[in-house]
Protein backbone atom coordinates (compact mmCIF):
# COMPACT_ATOMS: atom_id res chain seq x y z
CA MET A 1 -94.28 -42.16 -11.84
CA SER A 2 -91.58 -44.69 -12.63
CA GLY A 3 -90.27 -47.22 -10.11
CA ALA A 4 -87.00 -45.30 -9.90
CA GLY A 5 -88.87 -42.06 -9.19
CA ARG A 6 -90.90 -43.68 -6.43
CA THR A 7 -87.76 -45.16 -4.90
CA HIS A 8 -86.03 -41.79 -4.99
CA THR A 9 -89.04 -40.07 -3.41
CA ARG A 10 -89.25 -42.78 -0.76
CA ASP A 11 -85.54 -42.35 0.04
CA ILE A 12 -85.99 -38.60 0.43
CA ALA A 13 -89.00 -39.11 2.71
CA ARG A 14 -87.14 -41.71 4.77
CA ALA A 15 -84.15 -39.38 5.17
CA ALA A 16 -86.45 -36.55 6.27
CA VAL A 17 -88.13 -38.78 8.88
CA ARG A 18 -84.72 -39.95 10.16
CA ALA A 19 -83.53 -36.35 10.43
CA GLU A 20 -86.63 -35.35 12.39
CA LEU A 21 -86.35 -38.34 14.73
CA THR A 22 -82.70 -37.46 15.32
CA ARG A 23 -83.60 -33.84 16.03
CA VAL A 24 -86.25 -34.86 18.57
CA ALA A 25 -83.91 -37.39 20.19
CA LEU A 26 -81.07 -34.87 20.54
CA GLU A 27 -83.43 -32.32 22.05
CA LEU A 28 -84.66 -34.83 24.65
CA PHE A 29 -81.21 -36.19 25.42
CA ARG A 30 -79.76 -32.71 25.89
CA ARG A 31 -82.63 -31.66 28.13
CA ASP A 32 -83.15 -34.82 30.22
CA GLY A 33 -79.90 -36.77 29.85
CA PHE A 34 -79.27 -39.76 27.64
CA ASP A 35 -79.73 -42.42 30.32
CA LYS A 36 -83.05 -41.01 31.56
CA VAL A 37 -84.75 -41.00 28.16
CA THR A 38 -86.37 -44.27 27.04
CA LEU A 39 -87.28 -45.44 23.57
CA ASP A 40 -90.92 -44.93 24.51
CA ASP A 41 -90.12 -41.32 25.49
CA LEU A 42 -88.47 -40.78 22.11
CA ALA A 43 -91.37 -42.28 20.17
CA THR A 44 -93.93 -40.24 22.12
CA ALA A 45 -92.02 -36.99 21.65
CA ALA A 46 -91.69 -37.66 17.93
CA GLY A 47 -95.35 -38.60 17.58
CA VAL A 48 -94.64 -42.10 16.28
CA SER A 49 -94.99 -45.59 17.66
CA ARG A 50 -92.09 -47.36 19.31
CA SER A 51 -91.98 -49.84 16.43
CA THR A 52 -91.78 -46.99 13.92
CA PHE A 53 -88.91 -45.43 15.83
CA LEU A 54 -87.13 -48.80 15.91
CA ARG A 55 -87.64 -49.19 12.17
CA TYR A 56 -85.45 -46.12 11.70
CA PHE A 57 -83.04 -46.61 14.60
CA GLY A 58 -82.30 -49.87 16.35
CA THR A 59 -81.02 -48.16 19.51
CA LYS A 60 -81.00 -44.79 21.23
CA GLU A 61 -77.30 -44.52 20.37
CA ASP A 62 -78.08 -44.90 16.68
CA ALA A 63 -80.45 -41.94 16.82
CA VAL A 64 -77.64 -39.69 18.06
CA LEU A 65 -74.83 -41.10 15.96
CA ALA A 66 -76.78 -41.17 12.69
CA ALA A 67 -75.19 -37.83 11.91
CA TYR A 68 -71.86 -39.65 11.54
CA ASP A 69 -73.19 -42.19 9.04
CA GLY A 70 -71.21 -42.01 5.82
CA SER A 71 -68.37 -40.01 7.38
CA ASP A 72 -65.87 -42.67 6.35
CA ARG A 73 -66.98 -42.32 2.74
CA ARG A 74 -67.06 -38.50 2.87
CA LEU A 75 -63.56 -38.38 4.39
CA ALA A 76 -62.13 -40.85 1.89
CA ASP A 77 -63.77 -39.05 -1.05
CA ALA A 78 -62.47 -35.69 0.20
CA LEU A 79 -59.00 -37.17 0.55
CA ARG A 80 -59.10 -38.63 -2.97
CA GLY A 81 -60.19 -35.23 -4.26
CA ARG A 82 -57.16 -33.40 -2.88
CA PRO A 83 -54.49 -32.24 -5.36
CA ALA A 84 -52.08 -35.02 -6.34
CA ASP A 85 -49.03 -32.92 -5.48
CA GLU A 86 -50.25 -32.24 -1.94
CA ASP A 87 -48.44 -34.20 0.78
CA ASP A 88 -50.47 -36.84 2.64
CA TRP A 89 -50.56 -34.96 5.95
CA THR A 90 -51.86 -31.75 4.39
CA ALA A 91 -54.37 -33.73 2.34
CA LEU A 92 -55.59 -35.50 5.49
CA ARG A 93 -56.01 -32.18 7.29
CA ARG A 94 -57.97 -30.67 4.43
CA ALA A 95 -60.12 -33.83 4.14
CA MET A 96 -61.12 -33.37 7.80
CA ASP A 97 -63.03 -30.27 6.68
CA SER A 98 -65.68 -32.67 5.37
CA VAL A 99 -66.54 -33.71 8.93
CA THR A 100 -66.39 -30.24 10.47
CA THR A 101 -69.06 -28.75 8.21
CA ARG A 102 -71.74 -29.18 10.92
CA TYR A 103 -69.62 -26.96 13.18
CA HIS A 104 -69.79 -24.15 10.63
CA GLN A 105 -73.54 -24.59 10.19
CA ASP A 106 -74.43 -24.81 13.89
CA PRO A 107 -71.57 -24.25 16.36
CA ALA A 108 -73.80 -24.31 19.47
CA GLY A 109 -75.64 -27.43 18.35
CA SER A 110 -72.38 -29.12 17.44
CA LEU A 111 -70.95 -28.31 20.85
CA ALA A 112 -74.03 -29.67 22.63
CA THR A 113 -73.97 -32.88 20.58
CA THR A 114 -70.23 -33.30 21.13
CA ARG A 115 -70.72 -32.81 24.86
CA LEU A 116 -73.54 -35.37 24.88
CA VAL A 117 -71.46 -37.94 23.00
CA ARG A 118 -68.24 -37.37 24.96
CA ASN A 119 -69.97 -37.35 28.37
CA THR A 120 -72.17 -40.42 27.82
CA PRO A 121 -70.10 -43.62 28.07
CA ALA A 122 -72.38 -45.64 25.76
CA LEU A 123 -72.35 -42.92 23.10
CA ARG A 124 -68.61 -42.33 23.39
CA ALA A 125 -67.92 -46.05 22.95
CA ARG A 126 -70.23 -46.32 19.94
CA SER A 127 -68.77 -43.17 18.44
CA LEU A 128 -65.23 -44.53 18.71
CA GLU A 129 -66.43 -47.86 17.31
CA LYS A 130 -67.88 -46.08 14.28
CA GLN A 131 -64.75 -43.99 13.90
CA TYR A 132 -62.64 -47.14 13.90
CA THR A 133 -64.14 -47.93 10.47
CA TRP A 134 -62.94 -44.58 9.15
CA ARG A 135 -59.28 -45.54 9.46
CA PRO A 136 -59.23 -48.24 6.75
CA ALA A 137 -61.22 -45.94 4.45
CA LEU A 138 -58.63 -43.18 4.92
CA ALA A 139 -55.70 -45.58 4.58
CA GLY A 140 -57.23 -46.93 1.37
CA ALA A 141 -57.64 -43.42 -0.03
CA LEU A 142 -54.01 -42.62 0.85
CA ALA A 143 -52.93 -45.78 -0.96
CA GLU A 144 -54.95 -44.77 -4.04
CA ARG A 145 -53.31 -41.35 -4.00
CA ALA A 146 -49.93 -43.08 -4.02
CA GLY A 147 -50.94 -45.48 -6.78
CA ALA A 148 -50.60 -48.46 -4.44
CA GLU A 149 -52.90 -51.47 -4.60
CA GLN A 150 -53.03 -51.90 -0.83
CA PRO A 151 -52.54 -49.52 2.08
CA THR A 152 -49.13 -49.77 3.71
CA LEU A 153 -48.35 -49.55 7.40
CA ALA A 154 -47.43 -45.91 6.85
CA HIS A 155 -50.85 -45.19 5.32
CA ALA A 156 -52.61 -46.84 8.27
CA VAL A 157 -50.49 -44.94 10.80
CA ARG A 158 -51.14 -41.58 9.09
CA ALA A 159 -54.87 -42.30 8.98
CA ALA A 160 -54.91 -43.26 12.67
CA ALA A 161 -52.88 -40.18 13.62
CA ALA A 162 -55.26 -37.92 11.69
CA LEU A 163 -58.25 -39.37 13.52
CA ASP A 164 -56.47 -38.96 16.85
CA CYS A 165 -55.83 -35.32 15.97
CA LEU A 166 -59.57 -34.93 15.39
CA ASN A 167 -60.42 -36.55 18.74
CA VAL A 168 -57.88 -34.51 20.71
CA THR A 169 -59.18 -31.38 19.00
CA LEU A 170 -62.77 -32.21 19.97
CA ASP A 171 -61.70 -32.83 23.57
CA HIS A 172 -59.93 -29.44 23.75
CA TRP A 173 -62.84 -27.67 22.10
CA LEU A 174 -65.24 -29.23 24.58
CA ALA A 175 -62.99 -28.39 27.55
CA ALA A 176 -63.01 -24.76 26.40
CA ASP A 177 -66.82 -24.93 26.18
CA GLY A 178 -66.61 -23.93 22.52
CA ALA A 179 -64.77 -20.67 23.27
CA LEU A 180 -61.87 -21.75 21.03
CA ASP A 181 -62.28 -22.09 17.29
CA LEU A 182 -62.60 -25.75 16.30
CA VAL A 183 -60.86 -25.28 12.96
CA ASP A 184 -57.93 -23.43 14.56
CA LEU A 185 -57.60 -26.24 17.11
CA LEU A 186 -57.63 -28.83 14.35
CA ASP A 187 -54.97 -26.91 12.44
CA GLY A 188 -52.87 -26.79 15.61
CA ALA A 189 -53.25 -30.52 16.25
CA PHE A 190 -52.12 -31.36 12.74
CA ALA A 191 -49.27 -28.84 12.93
CA ALA A 192 -48.02 -30.55 16.10
CA LEU A 193 -47.41 -33.71 14.08
CA SER A 194 -46.42 -32.07 10.83
CA PRO A 195 -43.40 -33.79 9.24
CA ARG A 196 -41.95 -30.39 8.29
């Protein structure tokens, strides 16, 4: 096997271990509460040592929020992939579909994870911190769509507004205990700020 093949296989194995550790962590956090679960509890439940767990995730928060890793890139790529004649606001709304795919795959699990993140101050803060990095990625993609070298203030404002629409949508979805359709709520949030 070539070095590249071994590296690829190693990356796949590492991703599978991370996914399993995240699954175990979410299960424990949902059952016992984020603050009551220790790193040792997580390692024991996953059948690994504490040091192994820490090799994959530096903190408990990281184990939960790993699902959001790469969202900035996925959003920006989705935005760049939108039709050139589509207005920025519509393109931003459609790009948001790239971060709502988990909802379609597992609505109940998505609701439970959203509840955990929103109701745990440490997770909510880290989530918003991560999301803060999405804004420049979106603004940059908007600039590229416009053929601009740098994002303008307007690009940054549209990106920030789109992310706020996502957050308000998630809050309403959570308040309704998932009884409302997340995609319909997101459409409504974007429509409320539509320039038309």
